[in-house]
PDB file of N, CA and C in Angstrom:
ATOM      1  N   UNK A   1      -6.519 -31.002 -27.315  1.00  0.00           N
ATOM      2  CA  UNK A   1      -5.899 -29.761 -28.612  1.00  0.00           C
ATOM      3  C   UNK A   1      -6.410 -28.403 -29.123  1.00  0.00           C
ATOM      4  N   UNK A   2      -6.081 -27.530 -28.813  1.00  0.00           N
ATOM      5  CA  UNK A   2      -6.277 -26.596 -29.030  1.00  0.00           C
ATOM      6  C   UNK A   2      -5.825 -26.032 -30.478  1.00  0.00           C
ATOM      7  N   UNK A   3      -6.859 -25.034 -31.000  1.00  0.00           N
ATOM      8  CA  UNK A   3      -6.843 -24.540 -32.545  1.00  0.00           C
ATOM      9  C   UNK A   3      -5.312 -24.530 -33.098  1.00  0.00           C
ATOM     10  N   UNK A   4      -4.534 -23.679 -31.643  1.00  0.00           N
ATOM     11  CA  UNK A   4      -3.384 -22.988 -32.176  1.00  0.00           C
ATOM     12  C   UNK A   4      -2.558 -24.256 -32.096  1.00  0.00           C
ATOM     13  N   UNK A   5      -2.702 -25.554 -31.704  1.00  0.00           N
ATOM     14  CA  UNK A   5      -1.495 -26.587 -31.189  1.00  0.00           C
ATOM     15  C   UNK A   5      -1.830 -26.951 -32.763  1.00  0.00           C
ATOM     16  N   UNK A   6      -2.826 -27.086 -33.646  1.00  0.00           N
ATOM     17  CA  UNK A   6      -2.826 -27.905 -34.844  1.00  0.00           C
ATOM     18  C   UNK A   6      -2.649 -26.939 -35.991  1.00  0.00           C
ATOM     19  N   UNK A   7      -2.180 -25.342 -35.483  1.00  0.00           N
ATOM     20  CA  UNK A   7      -1.682 -24.778 -36.659  1.00  0.00           C
ATOM     21  C   UNK A   7      -0.158 -25.169 -37.053  1.00  0.00           C
ATOM     22  N   UNK A   8       0.122 -24.898 -38.390  1.00  0.00           N
ATOM     23  CA  UNK A   8       1.481 -25.279 -38.727  1.00  0.00           C
ATOM     24  C   UNK A   8       2.257 -23.811 -39.443  1.00  0.00           C
ATOM     25  N   UNK A   9       3.346 -23.796 -39.388  1.00  0.00           N
ATOM     26  CA  UNK A   9       4.041 -22.699 -39.592  1.00  0.00           C
ATOM     27  C   UNK A   9       5.210 -22.822 -40.465  1.00  0.00           C
ATOM     28  N   UNK A  10       5.381 -21.796 -41.227  1.00  0.00           N
ATOM     29  CA  UNK A  10       6.777 -21.901 -42.599  1.00  0.00           C
ATOM     30  C   UNK A  10       7.730 -20.873 -41.870  1.00  0.00           C
ATOM     31  N   UNK A  11       8.888 -20.939 -41.880  1.00  0.00           N
ATOM     32  CA  UNK A  11      10.155 -20.322 -41.395  1.00  0.00           C
ATOM     33  C   UNK A  11      10.621 -19.444 -42.467  1.00  0.00           C
ATOM     34  N   UNK A  12      10.787 -18.221 -42.059  1.00  0.00           N
ATOM     35  CA  UNK A  12      11.566 -17.277 -42.557  1.00  0.00           C
ATOM     36  C   UNK A  12      12.476 -16.289 -41.743  1.00  0.00           C
ATOM     37  N   UNK A  13      13.794 -16.067 -42.409  1.00  0.00           N
ATOM     38  CA  UNK A  13      15.092 -15.391 -41.550  1.00  0.00           C
ATOM     39  C   UNK A  13      15.248 -14.139 -42.260  1.00  0.00           C
ATOM     40  N   UNK A  14      15.760 -13.328 -41.828  1.00  0.00           N
ATOM     41  CA  UNK A  14      16.173 -11.832 -42.165  1.00  0.00           C
ATOM     42  C   UNK A  14      17.241 -11.663 -41.479  1.00  0.00           C
ATOM     43  N   UNK A  15      18.136 -10.816 -41.781  1.00  0.00           N
ATOM     44  CA  UNK A  15      19.134  -9.828 -41.193  1.00  0.00           C
ATOM     45  C   UNK A  15      18.760  -8.756 -40.297  1.00  0.00           C
ATOM     46  N   UNK A  16      18.952  -8.764 -39.443  1.00  0.00           N
ATOM     47  CA  UNK A  16      18.130  -7.380 -38.564  1.00  0.00           C
ATOM     48  C   UNK A  16      19.209  -6.221 -38.868  1.00  0.00           C
ATOM     49  N   UNK A  17      18.729  -4.983 -39.422  1.00  0.00           N
ATOM     50  CA  UNK A  17      19.839  -4.000 -39.971  1.00  0.00           C
ATOM     51  C   UNK A  17      20.100  -3.118 -38.635  1.00  0.00           C
ATOM     52  N   UNK A  18      19.165  -2.685 -37.596  1.00  0.00           N
ATOM     53  CA  UNK A  18      19.618  -1.800 -36.659  1.00  0.00           C
ATOM     54  C   UNK A  18      20.233  -2.547 -35.426  1.00  0.00           C
ATOM     55  N   UNK A  19      20.045  -3.740 -35.343  1.00  0.00           N
ATOM     56  CA  UNK A  19      21.066  -4.648 -34.468  1.00  0.00           C
ATOM     57  C   UNK A  19      21.606  -5.836 -34.842  1.00  0.00           C
ATOM     58  N   UNK A  20      22.549  -6.205 -34.401  1.00  0.00           N
ATOM     59  CA  UNK A  20      23.246  -7.422 -35.122  1.00  0.00           C
ATOM     60  C   UNK A  20      21.997  -8.525 -34.796  1.00  0.00           C
ATOM     61  N   UNK A  21      22.457  -9.722 -35.717  1.00  0.00           N
ATOM     62  CA  UNK A  21      21.814 -10.639 -35.676  1.00  0.00           C
ATOM     63  C   UNK A  21      20.736 -11.009 -36.462  1.00  0.00           C
ATOM     64  N   UNK A  22      19.999 -12.282 -36.192  1.00  0.00           N
ATOM     65  CA  UNK A  22      19.162 -12.702 -37.506  1.00  0.00           C
ATOM     66  C   UNK A  22      17.685 -13.113 -37.024  1.00  0.00           C
ATOM     67  N   UNK A  23      16.832 -12.359 -37.275  1.00  0.00           N
ATOM     68  CA  UNK A  23      15.480 -12.369 -36.827  1.00  0.00           C
ATOM     69  C   UNK A  23      14.640 -13.780 -37.772  1.00  0.00           C
ATOM     70  N   UNK A  24      13.814 -14.795 -36.904  1.00  0.00           N
ATOM     71  CA  UNK A  24      13.289 -15.835 -37.007  1.00  0.00           C
ATOM     72  C   UNK A  24      12.192 -15.559 -37.365  1.00  0.00           C
ATOM     73  N   UNK A  25      11.125 -15.491 -38.464  1.00  0.00           N
ATOM     74  CA  UNK A  25       9.741 -15.563 -38.324  1.00  0.00           C
ATOM     75  C   UNK A  25       9.130 -16.813 -38.717  1.00  0.00           C
ATOM     76  N   UNK A  26       7.964 -17.332 -37.957  1.00  0.00           N
ATOM     77  CA  UNK A  26       7.479 -18.292 -38.181  1.00  0.00           C
ATOM     78  C   UNK A  26       5.962 -17.864 -38.659  1.00  0.00           C
ATOM     79  N   UNK A  27       5.774 -18.168 -39.995  1.00  0.00           N
ATOM     80  CA  UNK A  27       4.376 -17.382 -40.420  1.00  0.00           C
ATOM     81  C   UNK A  27       3.081 -18.560 -40.702  1.00  0.00           C
ATOM     82  N   UNK A  28       2.115 -18.682 -39.832  1.00  0.00           N
ATOM     83  CA  UNK A  28       1.124 -19.544 -39.832  1.00  0.00           C
ATOM     84  C   UNK A  28       0.795 -19.814 -41.312  1.00  0.00           C
ATOM     85  N   UNK A  29       0.470 -21.012 -41.445  1.00  0.00           N
ATOM     86  CA  UNK A  29      -0.216 -21.616 -42.598  1.00  0.00           C
ATOM     87  C   UNK A  29      -1.866 -21.587 -42.301  1.00  0.00           C
ATOM     88  N   UNK A  30      -2.155 -20.523 -42.458  1.00  0.00           N
ATOM     89  CA  UNK A  30      -3.501 -20.259 -42.298  1.00  0.00           C
ATOM     90  C   UNK A  30      -3.665 -19.209 -41.117  1.00  0.00           C
ATOM     91  N   UNK A  31      -5.085 -19.269 -40.756  1.00  0.00           N
ATOM     92  CA  UNK A  31      -4.990 -18.076 -39.500  1.00  0.00           C
ATOM     93  C   UNK A  31      -4.333 -18.198 -38.328  1.00  0.00           C
ATOM     94  N   UNK A  32      -3.860 -17.034 -37.723  1.00  0.00           N
ATOM     95  CA  UNK A  32      -3.114 -16.832 -36.728  1.00  0.00           C
ATOM     96  C   UNK A  32      -2.061 -15.580 -36.516  1.00  0.00           C
ATOM     97  N   UNK A  33      -1.475 -15.450 -35.668  1.00  0.00           N
ATOM     98  CA  UNK A  33      -0.226 -14.372 -35.876  1.00  0.00           C
ATOM     99  C   UNK A  33       0.848 -15.173 -35.932  1.00  0.00           C
ATOM    100  N   UNK A  34       1.659 -14.406 -36.986  1.00  0.00           N
ATOM    101  CA  UNK A  34       3.230 -14.492 -36.671  1.00  0.00           C
ATOM    102  C   UNK A  34       3.837 -14.671 -35.389  1.00  0.00           C
ATOM    103  N   UNK A  35       4.976 -15.689 -35.326  1.00  0.00           N
ATOM    104  CA  UNK A  35       5.675 -15.230 -34.127  1.00  0.00           C
ATOM    105  C   UNK A  35       7.489 -15.140 -34.656  1.00  0.00           C
ATOM    106  N   UNK A  36       7.839 -14.204 -33.796  1.00  0.00           N
ATOM    107  CA  UNK A  36       9.111 -13.827 -33.974  1.00  0.00           C
ATOM    108  C   UNK A  36      10.385 -14.384 -32.945  1.00  0.00           C
ATOM    109  N   UNK A  37      11.524 -14.551 -33.231  1.00  0.00           N
ATOM    110  CA  UNK A  37      12.698 -14.540 -32.235  1.00  0.00           C
ATOM    111  C   UNK A  37      13.802 -14.095 -32.949  1.00  0.00           C
ATOM    112  N   UNK A  38      14.784 -13.288 -32.001  1.00  0.00           N
ATOM    113  CA  UNK A  38      15.980 -12.564 -32.255  1.00  0.00           C
ATOM    114  C   UNK A  38      16.674 -13.332 -32.123  1.00  0.00           C
ATOM    115  N   UNK A  39      18.171 -13.647 -32.910  1.00  0.00           N
ATOM    116  CA  UNK A  39      19.150 -14.552 -32.567  1.00  0.00           C
ATOM    117  C   UNK A  39      20.332 -13.592 -32.672  1.00  0.00           C
ATOM    118  N   UNK A  40      21.096 -13.291 -31.759  1.00  0.00           N
ATOM    119  CA  UNK A  40      22.104 -12.638 -31.929  1.00  0.00           C
ATOM    120  C   UNK A  40      23.694 -12.904 -32.632  1.00  0.00           C
ATOM    121  N   UNK A  41      23.506 -14.263 -32.912  1.00  0.00           N
ATOM    122  CA  UNK A  41      24.440 -14.916 -33.812  1.00  0.00           C
ATOM    123  C   UNK A  41      23.803 -15.853 -34.634  1.00  0.00           C
ATOM    124  N   UNK A  42      24.275 -16.280 -35.724  1.00  0.00           N
ATOM    125  CA  UNK A  42      23.949 -17.312 -36.598  1.00  0.00           C
ATOM    126  C   UNK A  42      24.278 -18.701 -36.281  1.00  0.00           C
ATOM    127  N   UNK A  43      25.145 -18.768 -35.479  1.00  0.00           N
ATOM    128  CA  UNK A  43      25.369 -20.192 -34.843  1.00  0.00           C
ATOM    129  C   UNK A  43      24.313 -20.760 -33.934  1.00  0.00           C
ATOM    130  N   UNK A  44      23.838 -20.280 -32.842  1.00  0.00           N
ATOM    131  CA  UNK A  44      22.899 -20.937 -32.344  1.00  0.00           C
ATOM    132  C   UNK A  44      21.535 -21.373 -32.950  1.00  0.00           C
ATOM    133  N   UNK A  45      21.613 -20.386 -33.825  1.00  0.00           N
ATOM    134  CA  UNK A  45      20.086 -20.706 -34.778  1.00  0.00           C
ATOM    135  C   UNK A  45      20.392 -21.937 -35.685  1.00  0.00           C
ATOM    136  N   UNK A  46      21.475 -21.731 -36.390  1.00  0.00           N
ATOM    137  CA  UNK A  46      21.818 -23.043 -37.360  1.00  0.00           C
ATOM    138  C   UNK A  46      21.930 -24.136 -36.339  1.00  0.00           C
ATOM    139  N   UNK A  47      22.707 -24.199 -35.425  1.00  0.00           N
ATOM    140  CA  UNK A  47      22.297 -25.605 -34.682  1.00  0.00           C
ATOM    141  C   UNK A  47      20.790 -26.129 -34.155  1.00  0.00           C
ATOM    142  N   UNK A  48      20.108 -25.137 -33.801  1.00  0.00           N
ATOM    143  CA  UNK A  48      18.545 -25.538 -33.609  1.00  0.00           C
ATOM    144  C   UNK A  48      17.962 -25.955 -34.824  1.00  0.00           C
ATOM    145  N   UNK A  49      18.458 -25.239 -36.044  1.00  0.00           N
ATOM    146  CA  UNK A  49      17.583 -25.737 -37.489  1.00  0.00           C
ATOM    147  C   UNK A  49      18.166 -27.364 -37.446  1.00  0.00           C
ATOM    148  N   UNK A  50      19.434 -27.369 -37.339  1.00  0.00           N
ATOM    149  CA  UNK A  50      19.852 -28.771 -37.950  1.00  0.00           C
ATOM    150  C   UNK A  50      19.196 -29.575 -36.986  1.00  0.00           C
ATOM    151  N   UNK A  51      18.988 -29.692 -36.152  1.00  0.00           N
ATOM    152  CA  UNK A  51      18.007 -30.411 -34.663  1.00  0.00           C
ATOM    153  C   UNK A  51      16.568 -30.676 -35.557  1.00  0.00           C
ATOM    154  N   UNK A  52      15.848 -29.683 -35.885  1.00  0.00           N
ATOM    155  CA  UNK A  52      14.666 -29.805 -36.201  1.00  0.00           C
ATOM    156  C   UNK A  52      14.145 -29.858 -37.454  1.00  0.00           C
ATOM    157  N   UNK A  53      14.942 -29.236 -38.655  1.00  0.00           N
ATOM    158  CA  UNK A  53      14.435 -28.949 -40.055  1.00  0.00           C
ATOM    159  C   UNK A  53      15.555 -30.275 -40.773  1.00  0.00           C
ATOM    160  N   UNK A  54      16.302 -30.941 -39.754  1.00  0.00           N
ATOM    161  CA  UNK A  54      17.278 -31.831 -41.001  1.00  0.00           C
ATOM    162  C   UNK A  54      18.075 -31.209 -41.869  1.00  0.00           C
ATOM    163  N   UNK A  55      18.777 -29.887 -41.292  1.00  0.00           N
ATOM    164  CA  UNK A  55      19.407 -29.187 -42.557  1.00  0.00           C
ATOM    165  C   UNK A  55      20.522 -29.730 -42.738  1.00  0.00           C
ATOM    166  N   UNK A  56      21.160 -30.105 -43.756  1.00  0.00           N
ATOM    167  CA  UNK A  56      22.713 -30.138 -44.052  1.00  0.00           C
ATOM    168  C   UNK A  56      23.707 -29.254 -43.795  1.00  0.00           C
ATOM    169  N   UNK A  57      24.866 -29.257 -43.552  1.00  0.00           N
ATOM    170  CA  UNK A  57      25.737 -28.021 -43.719  1.00  0.00           C
ATOM    171  C   UNK A  57      25.607 -27.057 -44.785  1.00  0.00           C
ATOM    172  N   UNK A  58      25.640 -27.984 -45.781  1.00  0.00           N
ATOM    173  CA  UNK A  58      25.297 -27.349 -47.284  1.00  0.00           C
ATOM    174  C   UNK A  58      23.732 -26.143 -47.449  1.00  0.00           C
ATOM    175  N   UNK A  59      23.070 -26.859 -46.828  1.00  0.00           N
ATOM    176  CA  UNK A  59      21.673 -26.052 -46.937  1.00  0.00           C
ATOM    177  C   UNK A  59      21.850 -24.688 -45.879  1.00  0.00           C
ATOM    178  N   UNK A  60      22.433 -25.339 -44.434  1.00  0.00           N
ATOM    179  CA  UNK A  60      22.905 -23.650 -43.948  1.00  0.00           C
ATOM    180  C   UNK A  60      23.290 -23.050 -44.501  1.00  0.00           C
ATOM    181  N   UNK A  61      24.753 -23.378 -45.293  1.00  0.00           N
ATOM    182  CA  UNK A  61      25.582 -22.719 -45.891  1.00  0.00           C
ATOM    183  C   UNK A  61      24.494 -21.193 -47.006  1.00  0.00           C
ATOM    184  N   UNK A  62      23.717 -22.321 -47.503  1.00  0.00           N
ATOM    185  CA  UNK A  62      22.877 -21.498 -48.811  1.00  0.00           C
ATOM    186  C   UNK A  62      22.065 -20.711 -47.888  1.00  0.00           C
ATOM    187  N   UNK A  63      21.449 -20.835 -46.871  1.00  0.00           N
ATOM    188  CA  UNK A  63      20.597 -20.022 -45.838  1.00  0.00           C
ATOM    189  C   UNK A  63      21.567 -18.618 -45.447  1.00  0.00           C
ATOM    190  N   UNK A  64      22.580 -18.998 -44.851  1.00  0.00           N
ATOM    191  CA  UNK A  64      23.470 -18.066 -44.886  1.00  0.00           C
ATOM    192  C   UNK A  64      23.924 -16.983 -45.435  1.00  0.00           C
ATOM    193  N   UNK A  65      24.573 -17.255 -46.712  1.00  0.00           N
ATOM    194  CA  UNK A  65      24.839 -16.550 -48.109  1.00  0.00           C
ATOM    195  C   UNK A  65      23.359 -15.768 -48.689  1.00  0.00           C
ATOM    196  N   UNK A  66      22.460 -16.386 -48.388  1.00  0.00           N
ATOM    197  CA  UNK A  66      21.102 -15.716 -48.978  1.00  0.00           C
ATOM    198  C   UNK A  66      20.982 -14.693 -47.775  1.00  0.00           C
ATOM    199  N   UNK A  67      21.157 -14.754 -46.665  1.00  0.00           N
ATOM    200  CA  UNK A  67      20.800 -13.731 -45.706  1.00  0.00           C
ATOM    201  C   UNK A  67      21.848 -12.256 -45.900  1.00  0.00           C
ATOM    202  N   UNK A  68      22.950 -12.852 -45.942  1.00  0.00           N
ATOM    203  CA  UNK A  68      24.477 -11.904 -46.255  1.00  0.00           C
ATOM    204  C   UNK A  68      24.272 -11.152 -47.440  1.00  0.00           C
ATOM    205  N   UNK A  69      23.606 -11.666 -48.357  1.00  0.00           N
ATOM    206  CA  UNK A  69      23.347 -11.078 -49.797  1.00  0.00           C
ATOM    207  C   UNK A  69      22.021  -9.985 -49.613  1.00  0.00           C
ATOM    208  N   UNK A  70      21.375 -10.089 -48.349  1.00  0.00           N
ATOM    209  CA  UNK A  70      20.479  -9.004 -48.068  1.00  0.00           C
ATOM    210  C   UNK A  70      18.945  -9.387 -48.476  1.00  0.00           C
ATOM    211  N   UNK A  71      18.652 -10.610 -48.651  1.00  0.00           N
ATOM    212  CA  UNK A  71      17.415 -11.224 -49.002  1.00  0.00           C
ATOM    213  C   UNK A  71      16.852 -12.172 -47.922  1.00  0.00           C
ATOM    214  N   UNK A  72      15.867 -12.171 -47.782  1.00  0.00           N
ATOM    215  CA  UNK A  72      15.039 -13.083 -47.078  1.00  0.00           C
ATOM    216  C   UNK A  72      15.216 -14.683 -47.007  1.00  0.00           C
ATOM    217  N   UNK A  73      15.354 -15.642 -46.284  1.00  0.00           N
ATOM    218  CA  UNK A  73      15.599 -16.837 -46.800  1.00  0.00           C
ATOM    219  C   UNK A  73      14.455 -17.918 -45.790  1.00  0.00           C
ATOM    220  N   UNK A  74      13.862 -18.560 -46.661  1.00  0.00           N
ATOM    221  CA  UNK A  74      12.964 -19.606 -46.427  1.00  0.00           C
ATOM    222  C   UNK A  74      13.751 -21.012 -46.019  1.00  0.00           C
ATOM    223  N   UNK A  75      13.082 -21.392 -44.920  1.00  0.00           N
ATOM    224  CA  UNK A  75      13.524 -22.807 -44.897  1.00  0.00           C
ATOM    225  C   UNK A  75      12.425 -23.793 -45.529  1.00  0.00           C
ATOM    226  N   UNK A  76      13.394 -24.493 -46.643  1.00  0.00           N
ATOM    227  CA  UNK A  76      12.520 -25.368 -47.654  1.00  0.00           C
ATOM    228  C   UNK A  76      12.898 -26.871 -47.276  1.00  0.00           C
ATOM    229  N   UNK A  77      12.259 -27.456 -47.942  1.00  0.00           N
ATOM    230  CA  UNK A  77      12.236 -29.191 -47.883  1.00  0.00           C
ATOM    231  C   UNK A  77      13.222 -29.374 -49.010  1.00  0.00           C
ATOM    232  N   UNK A  78      14.353 -30.081 -48.528  1.00  0.00           N
ATOM    233  CA  UNK A  78      15.574 -30.180 -49.639  1.00  0.00           C
ATOM    234  C   UNK A  78      15.257 -31.195 -50.539  1.00  0.00           C
ATOM    235  N   UNK A  79      14.452 -32.300 -50.606  1.00  0.00           N
ATOM    236  CA  UNK A  79      13.759 -32.975 -51.800  1.00  0.00           C
ATOM    237  C   UNK A  79      12.978 -32.582 -52.408  1.00  0.00           C
ATOM    238  N   UNK A  80      12.066 -31.465 -52.178  1.00  0.00           N
ATOM    239  CA  UNK A  80      10.922 -30.859 -53.090  1.00  0.00           C
ATOM    240  C   UNK A  80      10.970 -29.564 -53.527  1.00  0.00           C
ATOM    241  N   UNK A  81      11.878 -28.882 -52.609  1.00  0.00           N
ATOM    242  CA  UNK A  81      12.027 -27.222 -52.915  1.00  0.00           C
ATOM    243  C   UNK A  81      10.630 -26.690 -52.334  1.00  0.00           C
ATOM    244  N   UNK A  82       9.967 -27.131 -51.535  1.00  0.00           N
ATOM    245  CA  UNK A  82       8.706 -26.622 -51.410  1.00  0.00           C
ATOM    246  C   UNK A  82       9.094 -25.876 -49.438  1.00  0.00           C
ATOM    247  N   UNK A  83       8.458 -25.246 -49.157  1.00  0.00           N
ATOM    248  CA  UNK A  83       8.413 -24.589 -48.153  1.00  0.00           C
ATOM    249  C   UNK A  83       8.416 -25.475 -46.905  1.00  0.00           C
ATOM    250  N   UNK A  84       9.012 -25.663 -45.796  1.00  0.00           N
ATOM    251  CA  UNK A  84       8.788 -26.821 -44.998  1.00  0.00           C
ATOM    252  C   UNK A  84       8.037 -26.007 -43.783  1.00  0.00           C
ATOM    253  N   UNK A  85       7.209 -26.774 -43.342  1.00  0.00           N
ATOM    254  CA  UNK A  85       6.325 -26.651 -42.196  1.00  0.00           C
ATOM    255  C   UNK A  85       6.758 -27.071 -40.978  1.00  0.00           C
ATOM    256  N   UNK A  86       6.113 -26.538 -39.968  1.00  0.00           N
ATOM    257  CA  UNK A  86       6.744 -26.829 -38.598  1.00  0.00           C
ATOM    258  C   UNK A  86       5.273 -26.723 -37.633  1.00  0.00           C
ATOM    259  N   UNK A  87       5.371 -27.936 -36.715  1.00  0.00           N
ATOM    260  CA  UNK A  87       4.219 -27.849 -35.407  1.00  0.00           C
ATOM    261  C   UNK A  87       4.831 -27.144 -34.636  1.00  0.00           C
ATOM    262  N   UNK A  88       3.777 -26.493 -33.723  1.00  0.00           N
ATOM    263  CA  UNK A  88       4.050 -25.813 -32.469  1.00  0.00           C
ATOM    264  C   UNK A  88       5.210 -26.513 -31.827  1.00  0.00           C
ATOM    265  N   UNK A  89       5.284 -27.706 -31.361  1.00  0.00           N
ATOM    266  CA  UNK A  89       6.137 -28.536 -30.705  1.00  0.00           C
ATOM    267  C   UNK A  89       7.691 -28.232 -31.307  1.00  0.00           C
ATOM    268  N   UNK A  90       7.595 -28.246 -32.532  1.00  0.00           N
ATOM    269  CA  UNK A  90       9.006 -27.567 -33.299  1.00  0.00           C
ATOM    270  C   UNK A  90       9.174 -26.175 -32.996  1.00  0.00           C
ATOM    271  N   UNK A  91       8.587 -25.472 -33.182  1.00  0.00           N
ATOM    272  CA  UNK A  91       8.812 -23.975 -32.731  1.00  0.00           C
ATOM    273  C   UNK A  91       9.264 -23.838 -31.563  1.00  0.00           C
ATOM    274  N   UNK A  92       8.657 -24.783 -30.594  1.00  0.00           N
ATOM    275  CA  UNK A  92       9.238 -24.637 -28.987  1.00  0.00           C
ATOM    276  C   UNK A  92      10.765 -25.035 -29.029  1.00  0.00           C
ATOM    277  N   UNK A  93      11.124 -25.854 -29.990  1.00  0.00           N
ATOM    278  CA  UNK A  93      12.730 -26.497 -29.930  1.00  0.00           C
ATOM    279  C   UNK A  93      13.327 -25.132 -30.529  1.00  0.00           C
ATOM    280  N   UNK A  94      13.006 -24.546 -31.252  1.00  0.00           N
ATOM    281  CA  UNK A  94      13.289 -23.169 -31.888  1.00  0.00           C
ATOM    282  C   UNK A  94      13.228 -22.099 -31.061  1.00  0.00           C
ATOM    283  N   UNK A  95      12.731 -21.754 -30.166  1.00  0.00           N
ATOM    284  CA  UNK A  95      12.656 -20.866 -29.166  1.00  0.00           C
ATOM    285  C   UNK A  95      11.399 -19.987 -29.934  1.00  0.00           C
ATOM    286  N   UNK A  96      10.431 -20.412 -30.324  1.00  0.00           N
ATOM    287  CA  UNK A  96       9.531 -19.389 -31.030  1.00  0.00           C
ATOM    288  C   UNK A  96       8.330 -19.745 -30.016  1.00  0.00           C
ATOM    289  N   UNK A  97       8.054 -20.545 -29.431  1.00  0.00           N
ATOM    290  CA  UNK A  97       6.969 -20.833 -28.760  1.00  0.00           C
ATOM    291  C   UNK A  97       7.093 -21.115 -27.553  1.00  0.00           C
ATOM    292  N   UNK A  98       6.150 -21.136 -26.643  1.00  0.00           N
ATOM    293  CA  UNK A  98       6.340 -21.511 -24.874  1.00  0.00           C
ATOM    294  C   UNK A  98       5.321 -22.371 -24.616  1.00  0.00           C
TER     295      UNK A  98
END
């Protein structure tokens, strides 16, 4: 296992102003470079989040409304309210790692 494989990431999303869509940003919880992916529509990203983050429809609606209010949305743990962290394998499922 490389050091990069052991890195965990928190996720933030924001609407992209100059082109339609949502930018998903994985921020390392420690040293490392952020990873970015662009989704032209919310639906493909919401389906991936449901599979990886165990997000409920209500949670996804909150994220969607936060984005459309012009704010950055973080993926949080619904039980604790803390930022949810993801492994490199989970990022692969979201299209942020290869």
